[in-house]
Amino acid sequence: MKISKPIKILIGCLTTLTILIPFVILPAVMMYFIFSVGFPFLSSSASVGPNDFEKTFMPLMLVFYPSMMCYSFVQLGLQIVYIIHQVKNKTLSDTFRVLFIIGDFFMPFIAMPIYFIAYMWKDPLDESAPLIVN
């Protein structure tokens, strides 16, 4: 299956985002929220009004929730793209094809980057082009 270079770059960037978001970006945002303005009531000396939590929590959730919804749709779309590519990839043996398809469902953080680097990013040899041997 032939994919153009810009589409490969887009798929690679989205794959990188789907790996980084749950393990790096979301914990960093939550830690920033907890230690900066989110939970001052954990300290016994802090006096927090009843509306202070809503003033800090609601704007964060207005950004956080839609971004998580977009993340879910991107991951689902990437799984569909990878599975179609894996089914149509004739260079894979049946065993690897089955393992990568199962890996896309159960371990997408491992299977998607491995498949992208090993099979999607590199171009297959063009069989119609003559080989030059020196």
C-alpha atoms as a PDB file:
ATOM      1  CA  MET A   1       0.000   0.000   0.000  1.00  0.00           C
ATOM      2  CA  LYS A   2       1.524   3.310  -1.084  1.00  0.00           C
ATOM      3  CA  ILE A   3       1.244   6.286   1.238  1.00  0.00           C
ATOM      4  CA  SER A   4       2.638   9.697   0.394  1.00  0.00           C
ATOM      5  CA  LYS A   5       5.361  11.251   2.536  1.00  0.00           C
ATOM      6  CA  PRO A   6       3.154  14.034   4.043  1.00  0.00           C
ATOM      7  CA  ILE A   7       0.556  11.462   5.110  1.00  0.00           C
ATOM      8  CA  LYS A   8       3.309   9.319   6.668  1.00  0.00           C
ATOM      9  CA  ILE A   9       4.548  12.346   8.596  1.00  0.00           C
ATOM     10  CA  LEU A  10       0.997  13.098   9.797  1.00  0.00           C
ATOM     11  CA  ILE A  11       0.479   9.487  10.886  1.00  0.00           C
ATOM     12  CA  GLY A  12       3.854   9.533  12.674  1.00  0.00           C
ATOM     13  CA  CYS A  13       3.031  12.767  14.519  1.00  0.00           C
ATOM     14  CA  LEU A  14      -0.395  11.475  15.575  1.00  0.00           C
ATOM     15  CA  THR A  15       1.153   8.186  16.693  1.00  0.00           C
ATOM     16  CA  THR A  16       3.697  10.099  18.772  1.00  0.00           C
ATOM     17  CA  LEU A  17       0.915  12.186  20.329  1.00  0.00           C
ATOM     18  CA  THR A  18      -1.129   9.107  21.211  1.00  0.00           C
ATOM     19  CA  ILE A  19       1.900   7.750  23.061  1.00  0.00           C
ATOM     20  CA  LEU A  20       2.868  10.998  24.806  1.00  0.00           C
ATOM     21  CA  ILE A  21      -0.574  12.222  25.885  1.00  0.00           C
ATOM     22  CA  PRO A  22      -1.484   9.580  28.499  1.00  0.00           C
ATOM     23  CA  PHE A  23       2.032   9.051  29.837  1.00  0.00           C
ATOM     24  CA  VAL A  24       3.623  12.529  29.722  1.00  0.00           C
ATOM     25  CA  ILE A  25       1.272  15.398  28.889  1.00  0.00           C
ATOM     26  CA  LEU A  26      -1.761  14.493  31.046  1.00  0.00           C
ATOM     27  CA  PRO A  27       0.250  13.741  34.193  1.00  0.00           C
ATOM     28  CA  ALA A  28       2.191  16.989  33.700  1.00  0.00           C
ATOM     29  CA  VAL A  29      -1.039  19.009  33.364  1.00  0.00           C
ATOM     30  CA  MET A  30      -2.565  17.338  36.400  1.00  0.00           C
ATOM     31  CA  MET A  31       0.558  17.885  38.516  1.00  0.00           C
ATOM     32  CA  TYR A  32       0.630  21.538  37.478  1.00  0.00           C
ATOM     33  CA  PHE A  33      -3.028  21.869  38.391  1.00  0.00           C
ATOM     34  CA  ILE A  34      -2.615  20.153  41.766  1.00  0.00           C
ATOM     35  CA  PHE A  35       0.488  22.017  42.866  1.00  0.00           C
ATOM     36  CA  SER A  36      -0.283  25.480  41.499  1.00  0.00           C
ATOM     37  CA  VAL A  37      -3.904  26.470  42.003  1.00  0.00           C
ATOM     38  CA  GLY A  38      -6.013  23.361  42.181  1.00  0.00           C
ATOM     39  CA  PHE A  39      -5.939  22.156  45.744  1.00  0.00           C
ATOM     40  CA  PRO A  40      -4.912  24.867  48.209  1.00  0.00           C
ATOM     41  CA  PHE A  41      -7.370  23.422  50.731  1.00  0.00           C
ATOM     42  CA  LEU A  42      -4.967  20.530  51.438  1.00  0.00           C
ATOM     43  CA  SER A  43      -2.935  22.923  53.546  1.00  0.00           C
ATOM     44  CA  SER A  44      -4.331  23.508  57.031  1.00  0.00           C
ATOM     45  CA  SER A  45      -3.283  27.171  56.983  1.00  0.00           C
ATOM     46  CA  ALA A  46      -5.009  28.002  53.695  1.00  0.00           C
ATOM     47  CA  SER A  47      -8.410  29.595  53.772  1.00  0.00           C
ATOM     48  CA  VAL A  48     -10.386  28.785  50.679  1.00  0.00           C
ATOM     49  CA  GLY A  49     -13.770  30.142  49.810  1.00  0.00           C
ATOM     50  CA  PRO A  50     -16.494  27.805  48.572  1.00  0.00           C
ATOM     51  CA  ASN A  51     -16.333  29.242  45.036  1.00  0.00           C
ATOM     52  CA  ASP A  52     -12.554  29.149  44.631  1.00  0.00           C
ATOM     53  CA  PHE A  53     -12.488  25.497  43.622  1.00  0.00           C
ATOM     54  CA  GLU A  54     -15.133  26.043  40.945  1.00  0.00           C
ATOM     55  CA  LYS A  55     -13.260  29.061  39.587  1.00  0.00           C
ATOM     56  CA  THR A  56     -10.108  27.003  39.008  1.00  0.00           C
ATOM     57  CA  PHE A  57     -11.601  23.604  38.218  1.00  0.00           C
ATOM     58  CA  MET A  58     -14.292  24.484  35.667  1.00  0.00           C
ATOM     59  CA  PRO A  59     -12.067  26.385  33.177  1.00  0.00           C
ATOM     60  CA  LEU A  60      -9.563  23.543  33.296  1.00  0.00           C
ATOM     61  CA  MET A  61     -12.277  20.976  32.597  1.00  0.00           C
ATOM     62  CA  LEU A  62     -13.592  23.058  29.701  1.00  0.00           C
ATOM     63  CA  VAL A  63     -10.215  22.521  28.020  1.00  0.00           C
ATOM     64  CA  PHE A  64      -9.359  19.109  29.431  1.00  0.00           C
ATOM     65  CA  TYR A  65     -12.564  17.219  28.546  1.00  0.00           C
ATOM     66  CA  PRO A  66     -12.783  18.180  24.832  1.00  0.00           C
ATOM     67  CA  SER A  67      -9.091  17.419  24.398  1.00  0.00           C
ATOM     68  CA  MET A  68      -9.630  13.948  25.867  1.00  0.00           C
ATOM     69  CA  MET A  69     -12.547  13.398  23.492  1.00  0.00           C
ATOM     70  CA  CYS A  70     -10.345  14.386  20.553  1.00  0.00           C
ATOM     71  CA  TYR A  71      -7.631  12.043  21.832  1.00  0.00           C
ATOM     72  CA  SER A  72     -10.096   9.133  21.830  1.00  0.00           C
ATOM     73  CA  PHE A  73     -11.187   9.845  18.260  1.00  0.00           C
ATOM     74  CA  VAL A  74      -7.589  10.200  17.065  1.00  0.00           C
ATOM     75  CA  GLN A  75      -6.621   6.902  18.663  1.00  0.00           C
ATOM     76  CA  LEU A  76      -9.636   5.142  17.128  1.00  0.00           C
ATOM     77  CA  GLY A  77      -8.857   6.634  13.715  1.00  0.00           C
ATOM     78  CA  LEU A  78      -5.212   5.573  13.970  1.00  0.00           C
ATOM     79  CA  GLN A  79      -6.239   2.041  14.872  1.00  0.00           C
ATOM     80  CA  ILE A  80      -8.411   1.893  11.761  1.00  0.00           C
ATOM     81  CA  VAL A  81      -5.597   3.248   9.546  1.00  0.00           C
ATOM     82  CA  TYR A  82      -3.040   0.835  10.990  1.00  0.00           C
ATOM     83  CA  ILE A  83      -5.326  -2.195  10.671  1.00  0.00           C
ATOM     84  CA  ILE A  84      -6.173  -1.382   7.044  1.00  0.00           C
ATOM     85  CA  HIS A  85      -2.478  -0.939   6.284  1.00  0.00           C
ATOM     86  CA  GLN A  86      -1.581  -4.180   8.056  1.00  0.00           C
ATOM     87  CA  VAL A  87      -4.228  -6.184   6.209  1.00  0.00           C
ATOM     88  CA  LYS A  88      -3.121  -4.809   2.830  1.00  0.00           C
ATOM     89  CA  ASN A  89       0.615  -5.122   3.547  1.00  0.00           C
ATOM     90  CA  LYS A  90       1.813  -8.099   1.498  1.00  0.00           C
ATOM     91  CA  THR A  91       5.372  -8.017   2.916  1.00  0.00           C
ATOM     92  CA  LEU A  92       4.130  -9.192   6.329  1.00  0.00           C
ATOM     93  CA  SER A  93       3.810 -12.881   7.062  1.00  0.00           C
ATOM     94  CA  ASP A  94       0.461 -14.035   8.401  1.00  0.00           C
ATOM     95  CA  THR A  95       1.885 -14.442  11.899  1.00  0.00           C
ATOM     96  CA  PHE A  96       3.188 -10.864  12.062  1.00  0.00           C
ATOM     97  CA  ARG A  97      -0.012  -9.550  10.520  1.00  0.00           C
ATOM     98  CA  VAL A  98      -2.121 -11.211  13.227  1.00  0.00           C
ATOM     99  CA  LEU A  99       0.265 -10.132  15.999  1.00  0.00           C
ATOM    100  CA  PHE A 100       0.271  -6.492  14.883  1.00  0.00           C
ATOM    101  CA  ILE A 101      -3.517  -6.386  14.516  1.00  0.00           C
ATOM    102  CA  ILE A 102      -4.017  -7.868  17.991  1.00  0.00           C
ATOM    103  CA  GLY A 103      -1.310  -5.527  19.303  1.00  0.00           C
ATOM    104  CA  ASP A 104      -3.180  -2.518  17.896  1.00  0.00           C
ATOM    105  CA  PHE A 105      -6.131  -3.394  20.120  1.00  0.00           C
ATOM    106  CA  PHE A 106      -4.425  -4.541  23.307  1.00  0.00           C
ATOM    107  CA  MET A 107      -1.051  -2.722  23.262  1.00  0.00           C
ATOM    108  CA  PRO A 108      -1.339   0.241  20.878  1.00  0.00           C
ATOM    109  CA  PHE A 109       1.415   2.147  22.690  1.00  0.00           C
ATOM    110  CA  ILE A 110       3.886  -0.582  21.716  1.00  0.00           C
ATOM    111  CA  ALA A 111       2.514  -2.036  18.471  1.00  0.00           C
ATOM    112  CA  MET A 112       1.774   1.185  16.595  1.00  0.00           C
ATOM    113  CA  PRO A 113       5.235   2.773  16.870  1.00  0.00           C
ATOM    114  CA  ILE A 114       6.990  -0.514  16.058  1.00  0.00           C
ATOM    115  CA  TYR A 115       4.826  -1.065  12.991  1.00  0.00           C
ATOM    116  CA  PHE A 116       5.198   2.554  11.899  1.00  0.00           C
ATOM    117  CA  ILE A 117       8.987   2.486  12.076  1.00  0.00           C
ATOM    118  CA  ALA A 118       9.449  -1.025  10.693  1.00  0.00           C
ATOM    119  CA  TYR A 119       6.858  -1.184   7.926  1.00  0.00           C
ATOM    120  CA  MET A 120       5.056   2.094   7.284  1.00  0.00           C
ATOM    121  CA  TRP A 121       7.870   4.675   7.286  1.00  0.00           C
ATOM    122  CA  LYS A 122      10.305   2.858   5.036  1.00  0.00           C
ATOM    123  CA  ASP A 123       9.418   2.607   1.374  1.00  0.00           C
ATOM    124  CA  PRO A 124       9.265  -0.869  -0.121  1.00  0.00           C
ATOM    125  CA  LEU A 125      11.637  -1.570  -2.968  1.00  0.00           C
ATOM    126  CA  ASP A 126      10.173  -0.786  -6.336  1.00  0.00           C
ATOM    127  CA  GLU A 127      10.260  -4.103  -8.209  1.00  0.00           C
ATOM    128  CA  SER A 128      10.062  -2.455 -11.633  1.00  0.00           C
ATOM    129  CA  ALA A 129      13.256  -0.463 -11.076  1.00  0.00           C
ATOM    130  CA  PRO A 130      16.481  -2.184 -12.108  1.00  0.00           C
ATOM    131  CA  LEU A 131      18.974  -3.010  -9.387  1.00  0.00           C
ATOM    132  CA  ILE A 132      22.388  -1.377  -9.755  1.00  0.00           C
ATOM    133  CA  VAL A 133      25.214  -3.521  -8.486  1.00  0.00           C
ATOM    134  CA  ASN A 134      28.741  -2.102  -8.363  1.00  0.00           C
END
